[in-house]
Every structure is written in C-alpha cells, then in structure tokens.
Amino acid sequence: MTTTPNTSTESAPASPGRPLPARPMLIAGGAGHTGSRVAARLIAAGQPVRIASRSTTERLDWTDPSTWPAALDGTSAAFIAYSPDLAFPGVPEILFGFAERARQAGLRQLVLLSGRGEPGARDSVEAVRAAGVPTTALYSAWFAQNLSESFLVEQVLAGEIALPAPDVAEPFVDLDDLAEVAALSLTSDGHADRDYQLTGPAALTFAEAGRMIGDAIGSRIRYRPVSRAQFAAAGTAAGLPAADANGLAELFAAVLDGRNSLPSTDLEQLLGRPATAFGVFVERAAAGGAWTVGSGADA
C-alpha cells in the first residue's frame, strides 16, 4: 500500500518577487487506505497537501466541528473520505456542515468518495452539493483491497469470506485506480458537479475472488453467506462499535443484491486506459505479502 506521512505538507512562504505558493489540498481522511493513496499521487505531482484525520497531527474529527476550521482554512480543494459510511443516519447533516465550512473557507472544489448503489450515500452527496461548493462524486464499487488490507483480510487468512448476502457478482475496483481518478478530478478542469461510477473491468463473485486469491497463495478460500446478526456479531467481536457493525451489516445486505454487478466504463474513459483487472490486483498483492500469516489489516 502507498502511504504518506500523517503530517501536513505545505509550501514554504514565497520570497519577495516570487509567485505565491499553491494553497494545499486537504485530504480529509488522509490516513486511511484511500486518502493516503490520493495524497501520494498529489505529492508526486508537486501539489502541496494537508492530511487530516482523527489520528494525524492536523486533526479532523467528523463528530467534532471545532476541528474543521483549522483543517480547512488556507486550502484550495478537498478530497473527502468519510468513515464509516456516507449511508449511515445523520451523515448528510454532518457533511453539509463540513461543506458549508469549506465554502466559507473559499475552497473551489470537493471530491467526495461514495459507495455505489447506496441511496443513503446519494443523500450525503446531495447534502454536500447543497452547500454550494462544486462537488465531484466518486461512486465506487467494492475495493479489491478490502480483501488484502482491510476488514476482509482476516477472513481470507482464515480461509472463509463471510458476508450477509448471496454470492453475487461485484466489479471490484482497485484503489490505486480510484486514487488516480480522485487526483485527476482535483487537478484538472471539467469535473465539477460530475458523477463517476468507478468499477473494475469485469464482475466476479466473492467465491470466484476467493478462488483466485487461493490459487495465488496455495490455499482454499470459500464463500459463506451469513445472517446480518452473525456478521454484526463478528464485527463487534473484532472491535467495531455495535452501531457501526449493525449499520454495515444492514448496508451490505442491501447493496449486495446484484444492483451493482454491471461494470462501468467511466474509469477507463477518465484515465485513458483499462481499469486494473482483479487478477492483476491479486498477483501484486500476493507478491507483496498481503496474505502471509500475521499480515492482518491496517487501521
């Protein structure tokens, strides 16, 4: 996984007679899997960034509006990765308040990460847009890296993927592709108030995904549908707050019904190349030791 320091990266003051430095872009949720990748791409392109989350030096807590002004002030645009999910109750109100503060701070654009096919997430997107800052919405399929870096990695290591849904097909998207689209949306024209459906090039079931990973690492990984209550109980046992575990169980049961199985070509059209195939992701993750015993999941 590409990572970046959990600190702000801003240009030094300009000397007399030299152009003023570019205002940094805020990566809200920049310590996570997605935000860190977006930040890395912006930094590589010479764009100053400010990384803010609950765990970084520049603190940003969605439940504490007093942390928002310091994170936003002096920035030019922002990538927003809200956790745990945009579809949860009360999130549209939180994000409207944050976007309103962004408007007051003079931000020119917001890029908001959203789940694909979630009605509640669309409510959050519309709430952000209601504040008046041009907003690009990235409606993402399931991250392939959920299986290698996040909450499903322990299940893969245990040989069984268990979700509160039948074995439906999902066009898993590679987070490196998504981060490239996010960086492009922040640094080039023509993306204001656009909606992009970001998926991989083909859909496969979780059982098929498990078999592909198993073939790569010499293990047997099966898929097992479980009830919402079973999934939530496993989440709380792993340390999730009960409200988050129950919310995710309800959300996954709702969206894993086949509504998102059809791949989109938006990513290919934006980047001018095919989206990363799941098999390529598996090869890279396996080569990087993602599924070695004791690898676990990042925070």
C-alpha atoms as a PDB file:
ATOM      1  CA  MET A   1       0.000   0.000   0.000  1.00  0.00           C
ATOM      2  CA  THR A   2       1.193   3.504  -0.794  1.00  0.00           C
ATOM      3  CA  THR A   3       1.416   5.570   2.372  1.00  0.00           C
ATOM      4  CA  THR A   4       2.210   9.164   3.234  1.00  0.00           C
ATOM      5  CA  PRO A   5       3.256  10.828   6.479  1.00  0.00           C
ATOM      6  CA  ASN A   6       0.454  11.771   8.843  1.00  0.00           C
ATOM      7  CA  THR A   7       1.505  15.406   8.741  1.00  0.00           C
ATOM      8  CA  SER A   8       0.700  18.455   6.672  1.00  0.00           C
ATOM      9  CA  THR A   9       2.812  19.071   3.565  1.00  0.00           C
ATOM     10  CA  GLU A  10       2.702  22.715   2.571  1.00  0.00           C
ATOM     11  CA  SER A  11       4.912  25.026   0.535  1.00  0.00           C
ATOM     12  CA  ALA A  12       7.233  27.448   2.293  1.00  0.00           C
ATOM     13  CA  PRO A  13       6.411  31.165   2.151  1.00  0.00           C
ATOM     14  CA  ALA A  14       7.375  32.783  -1.136  1.00  0.00           C
ATOM     15  CA  SER A  15      10.347  35.123  -1.307  1.00  0.00           C
ATOM     16  CA  PRO A  16       9.742  38.729  -2.398  1.00  0.00           C
ATOM     17  CA  GLY A  17       9.203  38.931  -6.117  1.00  0.00           C
ATOM     18  CA  ARG A  18       8.371  35.228  -6.469  1.00  0.00           C
ATOM     19  CA  PRO A  19       4.879  33.780  -7.070  1.00  0.00           C
ATOM     20  CA  LEU A  20       2.925  32.789  -4.008  1.00  0.00           C
ATOM     21  CA  PRO A  21       2.954  29.034  -3.394  1.00  0.00           C
ATOM     22  CA  ALA A  22      -0.099  26.979  -4.278  1.00  0.00           C
ATOM     23  CA  ARG A  23      -2.589  26.503  -1.487  1.00  0.00           C
ATOM     24  CA  PRO A  24      -2.564  22.911  -0.261  1.00  0.00           C
ATOM     25  CA  MET A  25      -5.331  20.450  -0.989  1.00  0.00           C
ATOM     26  CA  LEU A  26      -6.975  18.899   2.038  1.00  0.00           C
ATOM     27  CA  ILE A  27      -7.154  15.110   2.219  1.00  0.00           C
ATOM     28  CA  ALA A  28      -9.932  14.591   4.771  1.00  0.00           C
ATOM     29  CA  GLY A  29      -9.461  11.033   5.984  1.00  0.00           C
ATOM     30  CA  GLY A  30      -5.942  11.038   4.600  1.00  0.00           C
ATOM     31  CA  ALA A  31      -4.561   8.433   6.991  1.00  0.00           C
ATOM     32  CA  GLY A  32      -6.772   5.700   5.510  1.00  0.00           C
ATOM     33  CA  HIS A  33      -6.283   3.303   2.621  1.00  0.00           C
ATOM     34  CA  THR A  34      -7.851   5.595   0.023  1.00  0.00           C
ATOM     35  CA  GLY A  35      -6.816   9.012   1.287  1.00  0.00           C
ATOM     36  CA  SER A  36      -3.163   8.025   1.645  1.00  0.00           C
ATOM     37  CA  ARG A  37      -3.105   6.917  -1.979  1.00  0.00           C
ATOM     38  CA  VAL A  38      -4.697  10.159  -3.181  1.00  0.00           C
ATOM     39  CA  ALA A  39      -2.218  12.189  -1.139  1.00  0.00           C
ATOM     40  CA  ALA A  40       0.721  10.237  -2.547  1.00  0.00           C
ATOM     41  CA  ARG A  41      -0.339  10.966  -6.116  1.00  0.00           C
ATOM     42  CA  LEU A  42      -0.809  14.655  -5.461  1.00  0.00           C
ATOM     43  CA  ILE A  43       2.557  14.931  -3.719  1.00  0.00           C
ATOM     44  CA  ALA A  44       4.267  13.083  -6.576  1.00  0.00           C
ATOM     45  CA  ALA A  45       2.761  15.647  -8.957  1.00  0.00           C
ATOM     46  CA  GLY A  46       4.199  18.515  -6.895  1.00  0.00           C
ATOM     47  CA  GLN A  47       0.895  19.512  -5.302  1.00  0.00           C
ATOM     48  CA  PRO A  48       1.098  20.533  -1.628  1.00  0.00           C
ATOM     49  CA  VAL A  49      -1.356  18.644   0.556  1.00  0.00           C
ATOM     50  CA  ARG A  50      -2.703  18.790   4.074  1.00  0.00           C
ATOM     51  CA  ILE A  51      -3.561  15.387   5.518  1.00  0.00           C
ATOM     52  CA  ALA A  52      -6.140  15.416   8.289  1.00  0.00           C
ATOM     53  CA  SER A  53      -7.947  12.740  10.267  1.00  0.00           C
ATOM     54  CA  ARG A  54      -8.518  11.793  13.875  1.00  0.00           C
ATOM     55  CA  SER A  55      -5.060  10.198  14.041  1.00  0.00           C
ATOM     56  CA  THR A  56      -2.922  12.799  12.258  1.00  0.00           C
ATOM     57  CA  THR A  57      -1.102  15.859  13.545  1.00  0.00           C
ATOM     58  CA  GLU A  58      -3.648  18.042  11.739  1.00  0.00           C
ATOM     59  CA  ARG A  59      -6.688  16.652  13.496  1.00  0.00           C
ATOM     60  CA  LEU A  60     -10.086  16.309  11.824  1.00  0.00           C
ATOM     61  CA  ASP A  61     -12.905  14.579  13.667  1.00  0.00           C
ATOM     62  CA  TRP A  62     -16.275  14.341  11.889  1.00  0.00           C
ATOM     63  CA  THR A  63     -18.053  14.330  15.257  1.00  0.00           C
ATOM     64  CA  ASP A  64     -16.254  17.470  16.459  1.00  0.00           C
ATOM     65  CA  PRO A  65     -16.950  20.523  14.251  1.00  0.00           C
ATOM     66  CA  SER A  66     -14.422  22.553  16.242  1.00  0.00           C
ATOM     67  CA  THR A  67     -11.673  20.628  14.403  1.00  0.00           C
ATOM     68  CA  TRP A  68     -12.940  21.556  10.949  1.00  0.00           C
ATOM     69  CA  PRO A  69     -11.768  25.199  10.562  1.00  0.00           C
ATOM     70  CA  ALA A  70      -8.075  24.501  11.167  1.00  0.00           C
ATOM     71  CA  ALA A  71      -8.171  21.606   8.707  1.00  0.00           C
ATOM     72  CA  LEU A  72      -9.938  23.621   6.006  1.00  0.00           C
ATOM     73  CA  ASP A  73      -8.586  27.151   6.313  1.00  0.00           C
ATOM     74  CA  GLY A  74      -5.968  28.013   3.706  1.00  0.00           C
ATOM     75  CA  THR A  75      -6.723  25.038   1.464  1.00  0.00           C
ATOM     76  CA  SER A  76      -7.871  25.193  -2.155  1.00  0.00           C
ATOM     77  CA  ALA A  77      -9.855  21.970  -2.554  1.00  0.00           C
ATOM     78  CA  ALA A  78     -10.544  18.775  -0.639  1.00  0.00           C
ATOM     79  CA  PHE A  79     -10.853  15.035  -1.080  1.00  0.00           C
ATOM     80  CA  ILE A  80     -13.347  13.644   1.437  1.00  0.00           C
ATOM     81  CA  ALA A  81     -13.307  10.010   2.591  1.00  0.00           C
ATOM     82  CA  TYR A  82     -15.897   9.765   5.357  1.00  0.00           C
ATOM     83  CA  SER A  83     -15.807   6.790   7.706  1.00  0.00           C
ATOM     84  CA  PRO A  84     -17.572   4.500   8.406  1.00  0.00           C
ATOM     85  CA  ASP A  85     -20.000   5.174   5.525  1.00  0.00           C
ATOM     86  CA  LEU A  86     -21.919   8.007   3.860  1.00  0.00           C
ATOM     87  CA  ALA A  87     -25.149   5.995   4.019  1.00  0.00           C
ATOM     88  CA  PHE A  88     -25.354   5.974   7.826  1.00  0.00           C
ATOM     89  CA  PRO A  89     -28.050   8.063   9.590  1.00  0.00           C
ATOM     90  CA  GLY A  90     -27.029  11.619  10.397  1.00  0.00           C
ATOM     91  CA  VAL A  91     -24.151  11.747   7.917  1.00  0.00           C
ATOM     92  CA  PRO A  92     -25.854  14.112   5.421  1.00  0.00           C
ATOM     93  CA  GLU A  93     -26.206  16.692   8.182  1.00  0.00           C
ATOM     94  CA  ILE A  94     -22.563  16.287   9.233  1.00  0.00           C
ATOM     95  CA  LEU A  95     -21.266  16.618   5.694  1.00  0.00           C
ATOM     96  CA  PHE A  96     -23.496  19.583   4.891  1.00  0.00           C
ATOM     97  CA  GLY A  97     -21.967  21.388   7.863  1.00  0.00           C
ATOM     98  CA  PHE A  98     -18.460  20.477   6.729  1.00  0.00           C
ATOM     99  CA  ALA A  99     -19.138  21.564   3.144  1.00  0.00           C
ATOM    100  CA  GLU A 100     -20.643  24.835   4.357  1.00  0.00           C
ATOM    101  CA  ARG A 101     -17.467  25.490   6.329  1.00  0.00           C
ATOM    102  CA  ALA A 102     -15.465  24.623   3.191  1.00  0.00           C
ATOM    103  CA  ARG A 103     -17.466  27.197   1.223  1.00  0.00           C
ATOM    104  CA  GLN A 104     -16.749  29.819   3.863  1.00  0.00           C
ATOM    105  CA  ALA A 105     -13.055  28.940   3.693  1.00  0.00           C
ATOM    106  CA  GLY A 106     -13.063  29.590  -0.062  1.00  0.00           C
ATOM    107  CA  LEU A 107     -12.495  26.066  -1.366  1.00  0.00           C
ATOM    108  CA  ARG A 108     -13.080  25.810  -5.116  1.00  0.00           C
ATOM    109  CA  GLN A 109     -13.891  22.093  -5.313  1.00  0.00           C
ATOM    110  CA  LEU A 110     -14.701  18.987  -3.291  1.00  0.00           C
ATOM    111  CA  VAL A 111     -14.201  15.382  -4.395  1.00  0.00           C
ATOM    112  CA  LEU A 112     -16.363  13.032  -2.342  1.00  0.00           C
ATOM    113  CA  LEU A 113     -15.873   9.273  -2.121  1.00  0.00           C
ATOM    114  CA  SER A 114     -19.138   7.329  -2.007  1.00  0.00           C
ATOM    115  CA  GLY A 115     -20.344   3.752  -2.160  1.00  0.00           C
ATOM    116  CA  ARG A 116     -22.045   2.612  -5.338  1.00  0.00           C
ATOM    117  CA  GLY A 117     -25.763   1.898  -5.274  1.00  0.00           C
ATOM    118  CA  GLU A 118     -26.398   3.294  -1.786  1.00  0.00           C
ATOM    119  CA  PRO A 119     -29.495   5.560  -1.590  1.00  0.00           C
ATOM    120  CA  GLY A 120     -28.330   6.966   1.739  1.00  0.00           C
ATOM    121  CA  ALA A 121     -24.960   7.842   0.256  1.00  0.00           C
ATOM    122  CA  ARG A 122     -26.678   9.808  -2.518  1.00  0.00           C
ATOM    123  CA  ASP A 123     -28.400  11.816   0.206  1.00  0.00           C
ATOM    124  CA  SER A 124     -24.980  12.707   1.611  1.00  0.00           C
ATOM    125  CA  VAL A 125     -23.687  13.711  -1.828  1.00  0.00           C
ATOM    126  CA  GLU A 126     -26.672  15.979  -2.366  1.00  0.00           C
ATOM    127  CA  ALA A 127     -26.226  17.477   1.098  1.00  0.00           C
ATOM    128  CA  VAL A 128     -22.613  18.374   0.269  1.00  0.00           C
ATOM    129  CA  ARG A 129     -23.662  19.931  -3.033  1.00  0.00           C
ATOM    130  CA  ALA A 130     -26.362  21.949  -1.295  1.00  0.00           C
ATOM    131  CA  ALA A 131     -23.617  23.922   0.464  1.00  0.00           C
ATOM    132  CA  GLY A 132     -22.610  25.422  -2.873  1.00  0.00           C
ATOM    133  CA  VAL A 133     -19.076  24.131  -3.478  1.00  0.00           C
ATOM    134  CA  PRO A 134     -18.703  22.293  -6.834  1.00  0.00           C
ATOM    135  CA  THR A 135     -18.525  18.621  -5.918  1.00  0.00           C
ATOM    136  CA  THR A 136     -17.322  15.582  -7.848  1.00  0.00           C
ATOM    137  CA  ALA A 137     -18.893  12.339  -6.602  1.00  0.00           C
ATOM    138  CA  LEU A 138     -16.924   9.103  -6.974  1.00  0.00           C
ATOM    139  CA  TYR A 139     -19.414   6.243  -6.658  1.00  0.00           C
ATOM    140  CA  SER A 140     -17.144   3.285  -6.063  1.00  0.00           C
ATOM    141  CA  ALA A 141     -17.619  -0.459  -6.362  1.00  0.00           C
ATOM    142  CA  TRP A 142     -16.200  -2.645  -3.595  1.00  0.00           C
ATOM    143  CA  PHE A 143     -12.489  -2.060  -3.127  1.00  0.00           C
ATOM    144  CA  ALA A 144     -10.358  -5.025  -4.150  1.00  0.00           C
ATOM    145  CA  GLN A 145      -8.109  -4.009  -1.252  1.00  0.00           C
ATOM    146  CA  ASN A 146     -10.900  -4.838   1.212  1.00  0.00           C
ATOM    147  CA  LEU A 147      -9.615  -8.374   0.708  1.00  0.00           C
ATOM    148  CA  SER A 148      -5.938  -7.555   1.200  1.00  0.00           C
ATOM    149  CA  GLU A 149      -5.650  -4.557   3.518  1.00  0.00           C
ATOM    150  CA  SER A 150      -8.951  -4.003   5.259  1.00  0.00           C
ATOM    151  CA  PHE A 151     -11.733  -5.787   7.122  1.00  0.00           C
ATOM    152  CA  LEU A 152     -11.850  -8.948   4.967  1.00  0.00           C
ATOM    153  CA  VAL A 153      -8.145  -9.800   5.116  1.00  0.00           C
ATOM    154  CA  GLU A 154      -8.520 -11.811   8.342  1.00  0.00           C
ATOM    155  CA  GLN A 155     -11.331 -13.788   6.747  1.00  0.00           C
ATOM    156  CA  VAL A 156      -9.136 -14.543   3.736  1.00  0.00           C
ATOM    157  CA  LEU A 157      -6.336 -15.692   6.017  1.00  0.00           C
ATOM    158  CA  ALA A 158      -8.818 -17.929   7.850  1.00  0.00           C
ATOM    159  CA  GLY A 159      -9.948 -19.468   4.550  1.00  0.00           C
ATOM    160  CA  GLU A 160     -13.531 -18.197   4.523  1.00  0.00           C
ATOM    161  CA  ILE A 161     -15.152 -14.977   3.301  1.00  0.00           C
ATOM    162  CA  ALA A 162     -18.471 -14.441   5.077  1.00  0.00           C
ATOM    163  CA  LEU A 163     -20.916 -11.655   4.230  1.00  0.00           C
ATOM    164  CA  PRO A 164     -24.655 -11.084   4.819  1.00  0.00           C
ATOM    165  CA  ALA A 165     -25.546 -11.673   1.168  1.00  0.00           C
ATOM    166  CA  PRO A 166     -25.786 -14.354  -1.511  1.00  0.00           C
ATOM    167  CA  ASP A 167     -22.759 -14.893  -3.702  1.00  0.00           C
ATOM    168  CA  VAL A 168     -23.464 -12.045  -6.116  1.00  0.00           C
ATOM    169  CA  ALA A 169     -21.073 -10.671  -8.714  1.00  0.00           C
ATOM    170  CA  GLU A 170     -19.190  -7.462  -7.935  1.00  0.00           C
ATOM    171  CA  PRO A 171     -16.870  -5.464 -10.267  1.00  0.00           C
ATOM    172  CA  PHE A 172     -14.151  -4.899  -7.668  1.00  0.00           C
ATOM    173  CA  VAL A 173     -12.213  -1.663  -8.193  1.00  0.00           C
ATOM    174  CA  ASP A 174      -8.512  -1.276  -7.470  1.00  0.00           C
ATOM    175  CA  LEU A 175      -7.826   1.545  -5.011  1.00  0.00           C
ATOM    176  CA  ASP A 176      -4.821   2.716  -6.996  1.00  0.00           C
ATOM    177  CA  ASP A 177      -7.134   3.313  -9.969  1.00  0.00           C
ATOM    178  CA  LEU A 178      -9.619   5.143  -7.779  1.00  0.00           C
ATOM    179  CA  ALA A 179      -6.901   7.344  -6.279  1.00  0.00           C
ATOM    180  CA  GLU A 180      -5.700   8.234  -9.765  1.00  0.00           C
ATOM    181  CA  VAL A 181      -9.226   9.376 -10.703  1.00  0.00           C
ATOM    182  CA  ALA A 182      -9.504  11.390  -7.476  1.00  0.00           C
ATOM    183  CA  ALA A 183      -6.196  13.158  -8.115  1.00  0.00           C
ATOM    184  CA  LEU A 184      -7.205  13.849 -11.714  1.00  0.00           C
ATOM    185  CA  SER A 185     -10.529  15.301 -10.561  1.00  0.00           C
ATOM    186  CA  LEU A 186      -8.732  17.628  -8.145  1.00  0.00           C
ATOM    187  CA  THR A 187      -6.073  18.856 -10.545  1.00  0.00           C
ATOM    188  CA  SER A 188      -7.785  19.186 -13.935  1.00  0.00           C
ATOM    189  CA  ASP A 189     -10.822  21.010 -15.293  1.00  0.00           C
ATOM    190  CA  GLY A 190     -14.170  19.581 -16.291  1.00  0.00           C
ATOM    191  CA  HIS A 191     -15.047  17.526 -13.206  1.00  0.00           C
ATOM    192  CA  ALA A 192     -17.162  19.996 -11.208  1.00  0.00           C
ATOM    193  CA  ASP A 193     -20.502  18.504 -10.160  1.00  0.00           C
ATOM    194  CA  ARG A 194     -19.869  15.331 -12.144  1.00  0.00           C
ATOM    195  CA  ASP A 195     -20.818  11.811 -11.001  1.00  0.00           C
ATOM    196  CA  TYR A 196     -18.455   8.946 -11.813  1.00  0.00           C
ATOM    197  CA  GLN A 197     -19.192   5.243 -11.404  1.00  0.00           C
ATOM    198  CA  LEU A 198     -15.848   3.592 -10.655  1.00  0.00           C
ATOM    199  CA  THR A 199     -15.535  -0.165 -11.111  1.00  0.00           C
ATOM    200  CA  GLY A 200     -13.152  -2.803 -12.293  1.00  0.00           C
ATOM    201  CA  PRO A 201     -13.389  -4.087 -15.869  1.00  0.00           C
ATOM    202  CA  ALA A 202     -15.415  -7.226 -15.042  1.00  0.00           C
ATOM    203  CA  ALA A 203     -17.640  -8.584 -12.288  1.00  0.00           C
ATOM    204  CA  LEU A 204     -16.905 -11.761 -10.349  1.00  0.00           C
ATOM    205  CA  THR A 205     -18.495 -13.355  -7.313  1.00  0.00           C
ATOM    206  CA  PHE A 206     -16.882 -13.423  -3.881  1.00  0.00           C
ATOM    207  CA  ALA A 207     -16.454 -17.181  -4.298  1.00  0.00           C
ATOM    208  CA  GLU A 208     -14.593 -16.587  -7.557  1.00  0.00           C
ATOM    209  CA  ALA A 209     -12.499 -13.870  -5.916  1.00  0.00           C
ATOM    210  CA  GLY A 210     -11.653 -16.253  -3.085  1.00  0.00           C
ATOM    211  CA  ARG A 211     -10.621 -18.984  -5.521  1.00  0.00           C
ATOM    212  CA  MET A 212      -8.348 -16.585  -7.407  1.00  0.00           C
ATOM    213  CA  ILE A 213      -6.651 -15.484  -4.196  1.00  0.00           C
ATOM    214  CA  GLY A 214      -6.410 -19.080  -3.025  1.00  0.00           C
ATOM    215  CA  ASP A 215      -4.778 -20.155  -6.277  1.00  0.00           C
ATOM    216  CA  ALA A 216      -2.210 -17.367  -5.890  1.00  0.00           C
ATOM    217  CA  ILE A 217      -1.253 -18.257  -2.318  1.00  0.00           C
ATOM    218  CA  GLY A 218      -1.793 -22.020  -2.386  1.00  0.00           C
ATOM    219  CA  SER A 219      -4.799 -22.057  -0.088  1.00  0.00           C
ATOM    220  CA  ARG A 220      -8.518 -22.872  -0.220  1.00  0.00           C
ATOM    221  CA  ILE A 221     -10.790 -19.871   0.373  1.00  0.00           C
ATOM    222  CA  ARG A 222     -14.547 -20.353   0.206  1.00  0.00           C
ATOM    223  CA  TYR A 223     -17.509 -18.012   0.432  1.00  0.00           C
ATOM    224  CA  ARG A 224     -20.257 -18.434   3.026  1.00  0.00           C
ATOM    225  CA  PRO A 225     -23.424 -16.302   3.253  1.00  0.00           C
ATOM    226  CA  VAL A 226     -24.263 -15.391   6.846  1.00  0.00           C
ATOM    227  CA  SER A 227     -27.125 -13.567   8.516  1.00  0.00           C
ATOM    228  CA  ARG A 228     -26.954  -9.877   9.329  1.00  0.00           C
ATOM    229  CA  ALA A 229     -26.853 -10.720  13.022  1.00  0.00           C
ATOM    230  CA  GLN A 230     -23.924 -13.097  12.518  1.00  0.00           C
ATOM    231  CA  PHE A 231     -21.982 -10.545  10.511  1.00  0.00           C
ATOM    232  CA  ALA A 232     -22.647  -7.794  13.059  1.00  0.00           C
ATOM    233  CA  ALA A 233     -21.599 -10.066  15.929  1.00  0.00           C
ATOM    234  CA  ALA A 234     -18.340 -10.849  14.155  1.00  0.00           C
ATOM    235  CA  GLY A 235     -17.760  -7.129  13.649  1.00  0.00           C
ATOM    236  CA  THR A 236     -18.248  -6.260  17.299  1.00  0.00           C
ATOM    237  CA  ALA A 237     -16.006  -9.185  18.293  1.00  0.00           C
ATOM    238  CA  ALA A 238     -13.327  -7.653  16.048  1.00  0.00           C
ATOM    239  CA  GLY A 239     -13.624  -4.326  17.871  1.00  0.00           C
ATOM    240  CA  LEU A 240     -16.182  -2.339  15.866  1.00  0.00           C
ATOM    241  CA  PRO A 241     -18.700  -0.277  17.819  1.00  0.00           C
ATOM    242  CA  ALA A 242     -22.043  -2.099  17.832  1.00  0.00           C
ATOM    243  CA  ALA A 243     -23.776   0.712  15.919  1.00  0.00           C
ATOM    244  CA  ASP A 244     -21.173   0.577  13.145  1.00  0.00           C
ATOM    245  CA  ALA A 245     -21.227  -3.224  12.959  1.00  0.00           C
ATOM    246  CA  ASN A 246     -25.016  -3.297  12.712  1.00  0.00           C
ATOM    247  CA  GLY A 247     -25.027  -0.451  10.195  1.00  0.00           C
ATOM    248  CA  LEU A 248     -22.524  -2.201   7.941  1.00  0.00           C
ATOM    249  CA  ALA A 249     -24.469  -5.464   8.150  1.00  0.00           C
ATOM    250  CA  GLU A 250     -27.628  -3.693   7.020  1.00  0.00           C
ATOM    251  CA  LEU A 251     -25.793  -1.812   4.287  1.00  0.00           C
ATOM    252  CA  PHE A 252     -24.010  -4.858   2.852  1.00  0.00           C
ATOM    253  CA  ALA A 253     -27.204  -6.898   2.883  1.00  0.00           C
ATOM    254  CA  ALA A 254     -28.911  -4.122   0.923  1.00  0.00           C
ATOM    255  CA  VAL A 255     -26.309  -3.346  -1.748  1.00  0.00           C
ATOM    256  CA  LEU A 256     -25.061  -6.892  -2.314  1.00  0.00           C
ATOM    257  CA  ASP A 257     -28.226  -7.846  -4.159  1.00  0.00           C
ATOM    258  CA  GLY A 258     -26.912  -7.626  -7.706  1.00  0.00           C
ATOM    259  CA  ARG A 259     -27.701  -3.943  -8.242  1.00  0.00           C
ATOM    260  CA  ASN A 260     -24.002  -3.120  -8.673  1.00  0.00           C
ATOM    261  CA  SER A 261     -22.930  -6.095 -10.775  1.00  0.00           C
ATOM    262  CA  LEU A 262     -22.726  -4.251 -14.090  1.00  0.00           C
ATOM    263  CA  PRO A 263     -19.261  -2.713 -14.655  1.00  0.00           C
ATOM    264  CA  SER A 264     -18.919   0.928 -15.715  1.00  0.00           C
ATOM    265  CA  THR A 265     -16.519   2.353 -18.288  1.00  0.00           C
ATOM    266  CA  ASP A 266     -16.151   5.718 -16.510  1.00  0.00           C
ATOM    267  CA  LEU A 267     -12.731   4.876 -15.085  1.00  0.00           C
ATOM    268  CA  GLU A 268     -11.375   3.741 -18.433  1.00  0.00           C
ATOM    269  CA  GLN A 269     -12.655   6.877 -20.150  1.00  0.00           C
ATOM    270  CA  LEU A 270     -11.195   9.157 -17.479  1.00  0.00           C
ATOM    271  CA  LEU A 271      -7.746   7.568 -17.339  1.00  0.00           C
ATOM    272  CA  GLY A 272      -7.438   6.598 -20.989  1.00  0.00           C
ATOM    273  CA  ARG A 273      -6.565   3.004 -20.123  1.00  0.00           C
ATOM    274  CA  PRO A 274      -8.371  -0.122 -18.928  1.00  0.00           C
ATOM    275  CA  ALA A 275      -9.225  -0.465 -15.262  1.00  0.00           C
ATOM    276  CA  THR A 276      -6.991  -2.870 -13.347  1.00  0.00           C
ATOM    277  CA  ALA A 277      -8.238  -6.450 -13.605  1.00  0.00           C
ATOM    278  CA  PHE A 278      -8.852  -8.331 -10.358  1.00  0.00           C
ATOM    279  CA  GLY A 279      -6.305 -10.952 -11.356  1.00  0.00           C
ATOM    280  CA  VAL A 280      -3.614  -8.276 -11.665  1.00  0.00           C
ATOM    281  CA  PHE A 281      -4.532  -6.967  -8.208  1.00  0.00           C
ATOM    282  CA  VAL A 282      -4.243 -10.497  -6.786  1.00  0.00           C
ATOM    283  CA  GLU A 283      -0.803 -11.035  -8.340  1.00  0.00           C
ATOM    284  CA  ARG A 284       0.505  -7.742  -6.953  1.00  0.00           C
ATOM    285  CA  ALA A 285      -0.998  -8.222  -3.503  1.00  0.00           C
ATOM    286  CA  ALA A 286       0.276 -11.789  -3.211  1.00  0.00           C
ATOM    287  CA  ALA A 287       3.751 -10.754  -4.347  1.00  0.00           C
ATOM    288  CA  GLY A 288       3.704  -8.011  -1.718  1.00  0.00           C
ATOM    289  CA  GLY A 289       2.884 -10.473   1.078  1.00  0.00           C
ATOM    290  CA  ALA A 290      -0.681  -9.252   1.685  1.00  0.00           C
ATOM    291  CA  TRP A 291      -1.867 -12.715   2.690  1.00  0.00           C
ATOM    292  CA  THR A 292       1.104 -14.003   4.640  1.00  0.00           C
ATOM    293  CA  VAL A 293       0.272 -15.235   8.128  1.00  0.00           C
ATOM    294  CA  GLY A 294       0.316 -12.351  10.579  1.00  0.00           C
ATOM    295  CA  SER A 295      -0.143  -9.636   7.938  1.00  0.00           C
ATOM    296  CA  GLY A 296      -3.554  -8.587   9.285  1.00  0.00           C
ATOM    297  CA  ALA A 297      -5.382  -5.405   8.342  1.00  0.00           C
ATOM    298  CA  ASP A 298      -4.257  -1.813   8.544  1.00  0.00           C
ATOM    299  CA  ALA A 299      -6.234   0.742  10.535  1.00  0.00           C
END
